[in-house]
């Protein structure tokens, strides 16, 4: 310890401080906490629709000179108005390539299918089970053109008190070809009493 001069000590401390500062600057280049030196550089956000049509929109923006990524928040904030109904292929931050052109892939949102409400009529075949708390749903939203409930929809019609079992879509009853047939806004659902 006594062999270290004051000059050598200060020199070593200065080198260590510079190394720590440089590490901080380099670490900042890889994330959103990039130090803003006040200098900016231009990049281009290139929004591309690759599925369901071909649209290319380029949006020039400026980022801090040391930035090597552009955040998804920035990508979303700058999406062109005529692409608001489109979905992003990815919600991750993007690396800025050497040419400064960041490609963002998008696709058209699937249009929601029109639906209608149907009333559920539960029956054992000989008698209708009216209202009350026997089943979870007495109304259901289905596709507008549906002619019968799907198996998934029949499965959602759980019996609350466990007294009845909803028959499967393909179980036949009294000449019916499918359970849950819809007619005039009513889906007739056949159930059987549990023993």
Protein backbone atom coordinates (compact mmCIF):
# COMPACT_ATOMS: atom_id res chain seq x y z
CA UNK A 1 0.00 0.00 0.00
CA UNK A 2 2.86 2.38 0.86
CA UNK A 3 4.47 1.73 -2.61
CA UNK A 4 1.57 3.51 -4.41
CA UNK A 5 2.26 7.18 -5.01
CA UNK A 6 -0.45 9.79 -4.88
CA UNK A 7 -0.03 10.40 -8.62
CA UNK A 8 -0.47 6.68 -9.49
CA UNK A 9 -3.51 6.47 -7.22
CA UNK A 10 -5.22 9.47 -8.87
CA UNK A 11 -4.33 8.20 -12.34
CA UNK A 12 -5.85 4.77 -11.56
CA UNK A 13 -8.98 6.33 -10.06
CA UNK A 14 -9.43 8.49 -13.16
CA UNK A 15 -9.15 5.49 -15.51
CA UNK A 16 -11.70 3.56 -13.40
CA UNK A 17 -14.13 6.50 -13.47
CA UNK A 18 -13.82 6.75 -17.27
CA UNK A 19 -14.45 3.01 -17.64
CA UNK A 20 -17.62 3.24 -15.52
CA UNK A 21 -18.87 6.24 -17.51
CA UNK A 22 -18.16 4.51 -20.85
CA UNK A 23 -19.97 1.38 -19.70
CA UNK A 24 -23.01 3.48 -18.81
CA UNK A 25 -23.06 5.11 -22.26
CA UNK A 26 -22.67 1.76 -24.05
CA UNK A 27 -25.37 0.12 -21.92
CA UNK A 28 -27.68 3.01 -22.78
CA UNK A 29 -27.35 2.24 -26.49
CA UNK A 30 -29.14 -1.06 -26.11
CA UNK A 31 -32.32 0.07 -24.38
CA UNK A 32 -34.85 2.87 -24.04
CA UNK A 33 -32.69 4.76 -21.52
CA UNK A 34 -30.31 5.89 -24.28
CA UNK A 35 -28.70 9.13 -23.11
CA UNK A 36 -29.98 12.08 -25.10
CA UNK A 37 -26.90 14.03 -26.18
CA UNK A 38 -29.14 16.63 -27.79
CA UNK A 39 -28.16 15.35 -31.21
CA UNK A 40 -30.78 13.60 -33.33
CA UNK A 41 -30.65 11.45 -36.41
CA UNK A 42 -33.39 10.73 -38.94
CA UNK A 43 -34.81 7.22 -39.42
CA UNK A 44 -37.77 5.93 -41.41
CA UNK A 45 -40.57 3.77 -40.03
CA UNK A 46 -41.75 1.66 -42.97
CA UNK A 47 -45.24 0.25 -42.28
CA UNK A 48 -45.99 -2.70 -44.58
CA UNK A 49 -49.22 -4.65 -44.95
CA UNK A 50 -48.21 -8.08 -46.20
CA UNK A 51 -51.42 -10.09 -45.73
CA UNK A 52 -54.72 -9.20 -47.35
CA UNK A 53 -53.37 -6.52 -49.68
CA UNK A 54 -50.15 -4.62 -50.23
CA UNK A 55 -49.71 -1.21 -48.60
CA UNK A 56 -46.45 0.57 -47.84
CA UNK A 57 -46.38 3.76 -45.78
CA UNK A 58 -43.14 5.50 -44.81
CA UNK A 59 -43.01 7.83 -41.80
CA UNK A 60 -39.80 9.81 -41.20
CA UNK A 61 -38.99 10.49 -37.54
CA UNK A 62 -35.98 11.58 -35.49
CA UNK A 63 -34.40 9.59 -32.66
CA UNK A 64 -31.49 10.32 -30.29
CA UNK A 65 -28.17 9.97 -32.14
CA UNK A 66 -27.01 7.04 -29.96
CA UNK A 67 -30.31 5.06 -30.13
CA UNK A 68 -30.05 1.60 -31.65
CA UNK A 69 -33.70 0.62 -31.08
CA UNK A 70 -37.08 2.23 -31.58
CA UNK A 71 -39.73 1.37 -28.99
CA UNK A 72 -43.09 -0.20 -29.84
CA UNK A 73 -44.73 2.82 -28.17
CA UNK A 74 -43.02 5.08 -30.76
CA UNK A 75 -43.99 2.69 -33.58
CA UNK A 76 -47.64 2.69 -32.44
CA UNK A 77 -47.68 6.46 -31.90
CA UNK A 78 -46.56 7.10 -35.50
CA UNK A 79 -48.81 4.61 -37.31
CA UNK A 80 -50.45 6.34 -40.30
CA UNK A 81 -54.14 7.20 -39.90
CA UNK A 82 -55.24 4.94 -42.77
CA UNK A 83 -53.64 1.92 -41.04
CA UNK A 84 -55.48 2.35 -37.71
CA UNK A 85 -57.68 -0.69 -38.51
CA UNK A 86 -54.65 -2.93 -38.99
CA UNK A 87 -52.87 -5.15 -36.45
CA UNK A 88 -49.13 -5.29 -35.74
CA UNK A 89 -47.30 -8.53 -36.53
CA UNK A 90 -45.18 -7.93 -33.43
CA UNK A 91 -45.35 -5.66 -30.38
CA UNK A 92 -41.60 -5.80 -29.69
CA UNK A 93 -39.16 -2.92 -29.91
CA UNK A 94 -37.26 -2.89 -33.23
CA UNK A 95 -33.53 -2.65 -33.89
CA UNK A 96 -32.54 0.27 -36.11
CA UNK A 97 -30.55 -1.15 -39.06
CA UNK A 98 -27.56 0.62 -40.59
CA UNK A 99 -29.69 2.14 -43.38
CA UNK A 100 -32.08 3.64 -40.77
CA UNK A 101 -35.19 1.99 -42.26
CA UNK A 102 -37.23 0.09 -39.65
CA UNK A 103 -39.73 -2.31 -41.28
CA UNK A 104 -42.99 -2.84 -39.38
CA UNK A 105 -45.25 -5.63 -40.69
CA UNK A 106 -49.01 -5.30 -40.27
CA UNK A 107 -52.16 -7.14 -41.34
CA UNK A 108 -55.86 -6.37 -41.71
CA UNK A 109 -58.01 -7.03 -38.63
CA UNK A 110 -60.60 -9.73 -39.18
CA UNK A 111 -64.05 -8.19 -39.48
CA UNK A 112 -66.41 -9.22 -36.71
CA UNK A 113 -69.14 -11.53 -37.95
CA UNK A 114 -72.69 -10.25 -37.51
CA UNK A 115 -74.55 -11.99 -34.70
CA UNK A 116 -78.08 -12.45 -33.39
CA UNK A 117 -79.54 -13.34 -30.00
CA UNK A 118 -81.53 -16.53 -29.60
CA UNK A 119 -83.69 -17.64 -26.70
CA UNK A 120 -82.82 -21.06 -25.31
CA UNK A 121 -85.75 -23.41 -24.80
CA UNK A 122 -84.71 -26.36 -22.64
CA UNK A 123 -86.83 -29.49 -22.99
CA UNK A 124 -86.69 -33.14 -22.00
CA UNK A 125 -88.76 -33.91 -25.08
CA UNK A 126 -91.93 -34.34 -23.04
CA UNK A 127 -91.82 -31.14 -20.99
CA UNK A 128 -90.16 -27.74 -21.22
CA UNK A 129 -87.95 -26.55 -18.36
CA UNK A 130 -89.05 -22.93 -17.87
CA UNK A 131 -86.84 -20.10 -16.57
CA UNK A 132 -85.46 -20.24 -13.05
CA UNK A 133 -81.95 -21.19 -12.05
CA UNK A 134 -81.62 -24.63 -13.65
CA UNK A 135 -79.31 -23.37 -16.40
CA UNK A 136 -76.71 -20.60 -16.69
CA UNK A 137 -78.06 -19.10 -19.91
CA UNK A 138 -81.53 -18.63 -21.34
CA UNK A 139 -80.23 -16.37 -24.11
CA UNK A 140 -77.17 -16.80 -26.32
CA UNK A 141 -75.46 -14.78 -29.04
CA UNK A 142 -74.79 -16.79 -32.20
CA UNK A 143 -73.66 -16.13 -35.78
CA UNK A 144 -76.34 -14.34 -37.77
CA UNK A 145 -76.74 -17.25 -40.23
CA UNK A 146 -76.57 -20.05 -37.63
CA UNK A 147 -79.27 -22.71 -37.97
CA UNK A 148 -78.20 -24.70 -34.89
CA UNK A 149 -75.97 -24.33 -31.83
CA UNK A 150 -72.42 -25.67 -32.07
CA UNK A 151 -71.10 -28.27 -29.64
CA UNK A 152 -69.04 -25.54 -27.96
CA UNK A 153 -72.18 -23.46 -27.43
CA UNK A 154 -74.07 -26.47 -26.07
CA UNK A 155 -71.17 -27.13 -23.67
CA UNK A 156 -71.48 -23.54 -22.39
CA UNK A 157 -75.08 -24.18 -21.28
CA UNK A 158 -74.03 -25.66 -17.94
CA UNK A 159 -76.72 -26.91 -15.60
CA UNK A 160 -76.49 -24.95 -12.33
CA UNK A 161 -78.02 -27.46 -9.95
CA UNK A 162 -76.72 -30.63 -11.60
CA UNK A 163 -80.19 -32.12 -12.20
CA UNK A 164 -79.91 -32.17 -16.00
CA UNK A 165 -77.39 -33.08 -18.70
CA UNK A 166 -77.42 -31.22 -22.03
CA UNK A 167 -77.36 -33.73 -24.88
CA UNK A 168 -74.53 -33.49 -27.41
CA UNK A 169 -75.06 -31.80 -30.78
CA UNK A 170 -75.19 -35.17 -32.56
CA UNK A 171 -77.36 -37.03 -30.06
CA UNK A 172 -80.71 -37.78 -31.69
CA UNK A 173 -84.03 -37.23 -29.98
CA UNK A 174 -87.46 -37.89 -31.42
CA UNK A 175 -86.34 -37.78 -35.06
CA UNK A 176 -84.16 -34.64 -34.59
CA UNK A 177 -80.91 -34.64 -36.54
CA UNK A 178 -79.12 -32.17 -34.26
CA UNK A 179 -79.56 -30.73 -30.81
CA UNK A 180 -79.96 -26.96 -30.53
CA UNK A 181 -81.75 -26.29 -33.82
CA UNK A 182 -82.65 -22.60 -34.19
CA UNK A 183 -86.06 -21.59 -35.54
CA UNK A 184 -87.75 -18.18 -35.29
CA UNK A 185 -85.16 -16.90 -32.78
CA UNK A 186 -85.48 -19.92 -30.46
CA UNK A 187 -82.89 -22.69 -30.02
CA UNK A 188 -84.50 -25.90 -28.78
CA UNK A 189 -82.02 -27.68 -26.51
CA UNK A 190 -82.74 -31.24 -25.42
CA UNK A 191 -81.63 -32.31 -21.96
CA UNK A 192 -82.08 -35.40 -19.88
CA UNK A 193 -82.55 -35.76 -16.15
CA UNK A 194 -79.59 -37.21 -14.27
CA UNK A 195 -80.28 -40.28 -12.13
